[in-house]
Amino acid sequence: MRNRANVVFRNSRGEFVDAPAVAATRLKSECGTVLDEAVRGGAVVITRHATPKAVLISFEEFQALVRDRVPDLKNLDAEYDGLLARMQKPAARHGMSAAFDATPAQLGRAAVKAAGRKRR
């Protein structure tokens, strides 16, 4: 018996995917078939009483997700170098000097102003 409800999620390539939902009882009785569905489509949502409980993903999808979560050391190195270069610019130096020379009241007003901008 196939569960008709599908779940939409964003895959490792940023695409929206309509993953078929499969009841846990079907997974138990047709494990190979469900596994093939996950490999073909990238993922299958496992449900219990029509509620999503787990996701079975293909190994390819898993590798892509893990690779994207763990930054490469070269990427981190480049990110650090870029941040350091931006911090050396005159505007950044001026901003840091202003922050260190500011009174507590000035810092408080700046924090409230910055927090208000983020809410919008």
N, C-alpha and C. Protein backbone atom coordinates (compact mmCIF):
# COMPACT_ATOMS: atom_id res chain seq x y z
N MET A 1 0.84 -1.18 0.00
CA MET A 1 0.00 0.00 0.00
C MET A 1 0.89 1.24 0.00
N ARG A 2 0.67 2.15 -0.93
CA ARG A 2 1.52 3.32 -1.08
C ARG A 2 0.87 4.55 -0.46
N ASN A 3 1.66 5.29 0.29
CA ASN A 3 1.21 6.54 0.88
C ASN A 3 1.25 7.61 -0.21
N ARG A 4 0.17 8.30 -0.45
CA ARG A 4 0.07 9.25 -1.56
C ARG A 4 0.68 10.62 -1.27
N ALA A 5 0.84 10.99 -0.01
CA ALA A 5 1.35 12.31 0.32
C ALA A 5 2.85 12.39 0.02
N ASN A 6 3.23 13.39 -0.77
CA ASN A 6 4.64 13.62 -1.06
C ASN A 6 5.13 14.82 -0.26
N VAL A 7 6.43 14.91 -0.09
CA VAL A 7 7.04 16.00 0.66
C VAL A 7 8.00 16.73 -0.26
N VAL A 8 7.89 18.05 -0.31
CA VAL A 8 8.76 18.86 -1.15
C VAL A 8 9.92 19.34 -0.28
N PHE A 9 11.14 19.18 -0.80
CA PHE A 9 12.32 19.68 -0.10
C PHE A 9 13.33 20.18 -1.12
N ARG A 10 14.33 20.92 -0.65
CA ARG A 10 15.39 21.43 -1.53
C ARG A 10 16.56 20.47 -1.47
N ASN A 11 16.99 19.95 -2.62
CA ASN A 11 18.09 18.99 -2.64
C ASN A 11 19.43 19.70 -2.57
N SER A 12 20.51 18.95 -2.68
CA SER A 12 21.86 19.51 -2.55
C SER A 12 22.21 20.48 -3.66
N ARG A 13 21.50 20.42 -4.78
CA ARG A 13 21.74 21.35 -5.89
C ARG A 13 20.85 22.58 -5.80
N GLY A 14 20.05 22.67 -4.74
CA GLY A 14 19.18 23.82 -4.55
C GLY A 14 17.86 23.71 -5.29
N GLU A 15 17.58 22.56 -5.88
CA GLU A 15 16.34 22.37 -6.63
C GLU A 15 15.26 21.84 -5.69
N PHE A 16 14.01 22.27 -5.94
CA PHE A 16 12.90 21.71 -5.18
C PHE A 16 12.56 20.35 -5.75
N VAL A 17 12.47 19.37 -4.87
CA VAL A 17 12.21 17.99 -5.27
C VAL A 17 10.96 17.50 -4.55
N ASP A 18 10.13 16.81 -5.28
CA ASP A 18 8.92 16.22 -4.73
C ASP A 18 9.25 14.77 -4.37
N ALA A 19 9.57 14.53 -3.09
CA ALA A 19 9.98 13.20 -2.66
C ALA A 19 8.75 12.37 -2.30
N PRO A 20 8.68 11.16 -2.82
CA PRO A 20 7.53 10.31 -2.48
C PRO A 20 7.57 9.91 -1.01
N ALA A 21 6.39 9.88 -0.40
CA ALA A 21 6.26 9.44 0.97
C ALA A 21 5.91 7.95 0.97
N VAL A 22 6.58 7.21 1.82
CA VAL A 22 6.39 5.77 1.90
C VAL A 22 6.12 5.40 3.36
N ALA A 23 5.07 4.65 3.57
CA ALA A 23 4.75 4.21 4.93
C ALA A 23 5.84 3.28 5.45
N ALA A 24 6.12 3.38 6.74
CA ALA A 24 7.14 2.53 7.36
C ALA A 24 6.84 1.05 7.16
N THR A 25 5.59 0.68 7.13
CA THR A 25 5.24 -0.73 6.92
C THR A 25 5.63 -1.18 5.52
N ARG A 26 5.50 -0.28 4.54
CA ARG A 26 5.92 -0.64 3.17
C ARG A 26 7.44 -0.76 3.12
N LEU A 27 8.15 0.14 3.79
CA LEU A 27 9.60 0.05 3.84
C LEU A 27 10.02 -1.29 4.41
N LYS A 28 9.34 -1.71 5.44
CA LYS A 28 9.66 -2.98 6.10
C LYS A 28 9.46 -4.17 5.17
N SER A 29 8.37 -4.13 4.40
CA SER A 29 8.06 -5.28 3.54
C SER A 29 8.69 -5.20 2.15
N GLU A 30 9.01 -3.99 1.68
CA GLU A 30 9.56 -3.82 0.33
C GLU A 30 10.82 -2.97 0.35
N CYS A 31 11.73 -3.31 1.23
CA CYS A 31 12.93 -2.50 1.44
C CYS A 31 13.71 -2.27 0.13
N GLY A 32 13.92 -3.29 -0.65
CA GLY A 32 14.68 -3.16 -1.90
C GLY A 32 14.03 -2.21 -2.88
N THR A 33 12.72 -2.29 -3.01
CA THR A 33 11.99 -1.43 -3.94
C THR A 33 12.06 0.02 -3.48
N VAL A 34 11.88 0.25 -2.19
CA VAL A 34 11.93 1.61 -1.64
C VAL A 34 13.34 2.17 -1.78
N LEU A 35 14.34 1.34 -1.54
CA LEU A 35 15.73 1.76 -1.71
C LEU A 35 15.99 2.17 -3.15
N ASP A 36 15.49 1.40 -4.11
CA ASP A 36 15.64 1.76 -5.53
C ASP A 36 14.98 3.10 -5.83
N GLU A 37 13.81 3.36 -5.23
CA GLU A 37 13.13 4.65 -5.41
C GLU A 37 14.00 5.80 -4.91
N ALA A 38 14.62 5.61 -3.75
CA ALA A 38 15.48 6.65 -3.19
C ALA A 38 16.68 6.91 -4.09
N VAL A 39 17.28 5.85 -4.62
CA VAL A 39 18.43 5.99 -5.50
C VAL A 39 18.03 6.72 -6.78
N ARG A 40 16.89 6.35 -7.33
CA ARG A 40 16.42 6.98 -8.57
C ARG A 40 16.05 8.45 -8.37
N GLY A 41 15.31 8.74 -7.31
CA GLY A 41 14.79 10.09 -7.12
C GLY A 41 15.60 10.96 -6.18
N GLY A 42 16.58 10.41 -5.51
CA GLY A 42 17.39 11.17 -4.58
C GLY A 42 16.96 11.03 -3.14
N ALA A 43 15.64 10.84 -2.92
CA ALA A 43 15.16 10.72 -1.53
C ALA A 43 13.75 10.13 -1.50
N VAL A 44 13.45 9.51 -0.37
CA VAL A 44 12.12 8.99 -0.08
C VAL A 44 11.83 9.36 1.38
N VAL A 45 10.64 9.88 1.63
CA VAL A 45 10.24 10.25 2.99
C VAL A 45 9.51 9.06 3.62
N ILE A 46 9.98 8.63 4.77
CA ILE A 46 9.37 7.52 5.48
C ILE A 46 8.36 8.09 6.49
N THR A 47 7.14 7.59 6.43
CA THR A 47 6.10 8.10 7.31
C THR A 47 5.61 7.01 8.26
N ARG A 48 5.04 7.46 9.37
CA ARG A 48 4.35 6.57 10.31
C ARG A 48 3.04 7.27 10.64
N HIS A 49 1.95 6.61 10.36
CA HIS A 49 0.62 7.19 10.55
C HIS A 49 0.49 8.52 9.80
N ALA A 50 0.98 8.53 8.55
CA ALA A 50 0.92 9.67 7.63
C ALA A 50 1.72 10.89 8.09
N THR A 51 2.61 10.71 9.07
CA THR A 51 3.46 11.80 9.55
C THR A 51 4.90 11.50 9.16
N PRO A 52 5.59 12.43 8.47
CA PRO A 52 7.00 12.20 8.11
C PRO A 52 7.85 11.97 9.36
N LYS A 53 8.63 10.89 9.33
CA LYS A 53 9.48 10.54 10.48
C LYS A 53 10.96 10.49 10.12
N ALA A 54 11.28 10.16 8.86
CA ALA A 54 12.67 10.03 8.45
C ALA A 54 12.76 10.20 6.94
N VAL A 55 13.99 10.37 6.46
CA VAL A 55 14.22 10.48 5.02
C VAL A 55 15.33 9.50 4.64
N LEU A 56 15.06 8.72 3.62
CA LEU A 56 16.04 7.81 3.06
C LEU A 56 16.58 8.49 1.81
N ILE A 57 17.88 8.81 1.80
CA ILE A 57 18.46 9.50 0.65
C ILE A 57 19.49 8.62 -0.04
N SER A 58 19.70 8.91 -1.32
CA SER A 58 20.70 8.16 -2.07
C SER A 58 22.09 8.52 -1.54
N PHE A 59 23.04 7.64 -1.78
CA PHE A 59 24.41 7.90 -1.32
C PHE A 59 24.97 9.13 -2.03
N GLU A 60 24.63 9.31 -3.30
CA GLU A 60 25.08 10.47 -4.07
C GLU A 60 24.58 11.78 -3.42
N GLU A 61 23.30 11.79 -3.05
CA GLU A 61 22.73 12.96 -2.39
C GLU A 61 23.39 13.20 -1.04
N PHE A 62 23.63 12.13 -0.30
CA PHE A 62 24.30 12.23 1.00
C PHE A 62 25.68 12.84 0.85
N GLN A 63 26.47 12.35 -0.12
CA GLN A 63 27.81 12.88 -0.33
C GLN A 63 27.78 14.36 -0.67
N ALA A 64 26.84 14.77 -1.52
CA ALA A 64 26.72 16.18 -1.90
C ALA A 64 26.37 17.03 -0.68
N LEU A 65 25.46 16.56 0.15
CA LEU A 65 25.07 17.32 1.34
C LEU A 65 26.23 17.44 2.32
N VAL A 66 26.96 16.37 2.53
CA VAL A 66 28.10 16.39 3.45
C VAL A 66 29.21 17.27 2.90
N ARG A 67 29.47 17.17 1.63
CA ARG A 67 30.52 17.97 1.00
C ARG A 67 30.21 19.46 1.16
N ASP A 68 28.95 19.84 1.01
CA ASP A 68 28.55 21.24 1.11
C ASP A 68 28.61 21.75 2.55
N ARG A 69 28.47 20.86 3.52
CA ARG A 69 28.49 21.27 4.92
C ARG A 69 29.90 21.46 5.46
N VAL A 70 30.87 20.74 4.91
CA VAL A 70 32.23 20.80 5.42
C VAL A 70 33.07 21.64 4.46
N PRO A 71 33.40 22.88 4.86
CA PRO A 71 34.16 23.72 3.95
C PRO A 71 35.56 23.17 3.70
N ASP A 72 35.99 23.29 2.50
CA ASP A 72 37.33 22.91 2.10
C ASP A 72 38.33 23.87 2.76
N LEU A 73 39.48 23.37 3.17
CA LEU A 73 40.47 24.21 3.83
C LEU A 73 40.91 25.36 2.93
N LYS A 74 41.02 25.13 1.64
CA LYS A 74 41.40 26.20 0.71
C LYS A 74 40.33 27.29 0.69
N ASN A 75 39.04 26.89 0.74
CA ASN A 75 37.96 27.87 0.77
C ASN A 75 38.01 28.70 2.05
N LEU A 76 38.25 28.02 3.18
CA LEU A 76 38.36 28.74 4.45
C LEU A 76 39.54 29.70 4.44
N ASP A 77 40.64 29.25 3.86
CA ASP A 77 41.84 30.08 3.75
C ASP A 77 41.54 31.33 2.93
N ALA A 78 40.86 31.15 1.80
CA ALA A 78 40.52 32.28 0.93
C ALA A 78 39.54 33.22 1.62
N GLU A 79 38.58 32.65 2.36
CA GLU A 79 37.61 33.46 3.08
C GLU A 79 38.31 34.31 4.15
N TYR A 80 39.24 33.70 4.87
CA TYR A 80 40.00 34.41 5.90
C TYR A 80 40.83 35.53 5.27
N ASP A 81 41.52 35.22 4.16
CA ASP A 81 42.34 36.24 3.50
C ASP A 81 41.49 37.42 3.04
N GLY A 82 40.30 37.14 2.52
CA GLY A 82 39.40 38.21 2.08
C GLY A 82 38.93 39.06 3.24
N LEU A 83 38.59 38.41 4.35
CA LEU A 83 38.16 39.13 5.55
C LEU A 83 39.30 40.01 6.07
N LEU A 84 40.48 39.47 6.13
CA LEU A 84 41.64 40.22 6.61
C LEU A 84 41.92 41.42 5.70
N ALA A 85 41.82 41.23 4.39
CA ALA A 85 42.05 42.34 3.45
C ALA A 85 41.00 43.45 3.64
N ARG A 86 39.73 43.07 3.86
CA ARG A 86 38.69 44.09 4.08
C ARG A 86 38.93 44.84 5.39
N MET A 87 39.46 44.15 6.38
CA MET A 87 39.72 44.78 7.67
C MET A 87 40.87 45.79 7.59
N GLN A 88 41.72 45.68 6.57
CA GLN A 88 42.87 46.57 6.43
C GLN A 88 42.53 47.86 5.68
N LYS A 89 41.34 47.94 5.09
CA LYS A 89 40.95 49.13 4.33
C LYS A 89 40.73 50.30 5.28
N PRO A 90 40.93 51.52 4.79
CA PRO A 90 40.78 52.71 5.64
C PRO A 90 39.40 52.81 6.32
N ALA A 91 38.34 52.48 5.62
CA ALA A 91 37.00 52.58 6.22
C ALA A 91 36.86 51.64 7.41
N ALA A 92 37.42 50.42 7.28
CA ALA A 92 37.34 49.46 8.39
C ALA A 92 38.19 49.93 9.56
N ARG A 93 39.35 50.47 9.26
CA ARG A 93 40.22 50.98 10.34
C ARG A 93 39.53 52.13 11.06
N HIS A 94 38.90 53.02 10.28
CA HIS A 94 38.18 54.15 10.87
C HIS A 94 37.04 53.64 11.76
N GLY A 95 36.30 52.65 11.26
CA GLY A 95 35.19 52.09 12.03
C GLY A 95 35.65 51.45 13.32
N MET A 96 36.75 50.73 13.29
CA MET A 96 37.27 50.10 14.50
C MET A 96 37.77 51.15 15.49
N SER A 97 38.44 52.19 14.98
CA SER A 97 38.90 53.27 15.87
C SER A 97 37.71 53.94 16.54
N ALA A 98 36.66 54.20 15.75
CA ALA A 98 35.45 54.84 16.30
C ALA A 98 34.82 53.95 17.36
N ALA A 99 34.79 52.63 17.11
CA ALA A 99 34.18 51.71 18.08
C ALA A 99 34.98 51.68 19.38
N PHE A 100 36.29 51.66 19.28
CA PHE A 100 37.11 51.61 20.49
C PHE A 100 37.10 52.93 21.26
N ASP A 101 36.89 54.04 20.54
CA ASP A 101 36.87 55.35 21.18
C ASP A 101 35.48 55.75 21.67
N ALA A 102 34.45 54.98 21.33
CA ALA A 102 33.06 55.33 21.66
C ALA A 102 32.80 55.14 23.16
N THR A 103 31.88 55.96 23.64
CA THR A 103 31.45 55.82 25.03
C THR A 103 30.43 54.68 25.10
N PRO A 104 30.15 54.16 26.29
CA PRO A 104 29.13 53.11 26.41
C PRO A 104 27.77 53.56 25.87
N ALA A 105 27.40 54.81 26.09
CA ALA A 105 26.11 55.32 25.58
C ALA A 105 26.09 55.31 24.06
N GLN A 106 27.20 55.70 23.42
CA GLN A 106 27.27 55.70 21.96
C GLN A 106 27.19 54.27 21.41
N LEU A 107 27.86 53.35 22.08
CA LEU A 107 27.79 51.95 21.65
C LEU A 107 26.37 51.41 21.79
N GLY A 108 25.69 51.77 22.87
CA GLY A 108 24.31 51.34 23.08
C GLY A 108 23.39 51.85 21.99
N ARG A 109 23.51 53.14 21.65
CA ARG A 109 22.67 53.71 20.58
C ARG A 109 22.96 53.02 19.24
N ALA A 110 24.23 52.76 18.96
CA ALA A 110 24.59 52.10 17.70
C ALA A 110 24.03 50.68 17.66
N ALA A 111 24.05 49.99 18.79
CA ALA A 111 23.51 48.62 18.84
C ALA A 111 22.01 48.61 18.62
N VAL A 112 21.30 49.55 19.24
CA VAL A 112 19.85 49.65 19.06
C VAL A 112 19.52 49.97 17.61
N LYS A 113 20.27 50.88 17.02
CA LYS A 113 20.05 51.26 15.62
C LYS A 113 20.30 50.06 14.69
N ALA A 114 21.38 49.31 14.93
CA ALA A 114 21.68 48.14 14.10
C ALA A 114 20.64 47.05 14.27
N ALA A 115 20.15 46.84 15.49
CA ALA A 115 19.12 45.82 15.73
C ALA A 115 17.82 46.18 15.02
N GLY A 116 17.50 47.46 14.98
CA GLY A 116 16.28 47.91 14.29
C GLY A 116 16.35 47.66 12.80
N ARG A 117 17.53 47.80 12.21
CA ARG A 117 17.71 47.55 10.76
C ARG A 117 17.55 46.07 10.44
N LYS A 118 17.98 45.19 11.31
CA LYS A 118 17.91 43.75 11.04
C LYS A 118 16.50 43.22 11.11
N ARG A 119 15.64 43.85 11.89
CA ARG A 119 14.25 43.39 12.04
C ARG A 119 13.45 43.59 10.76
N ARG A 120 13.74 44.58 10.02
CA ARG A 120 12.93 44.94 8.85
C ARG A 120 13.12 44.04 7.71
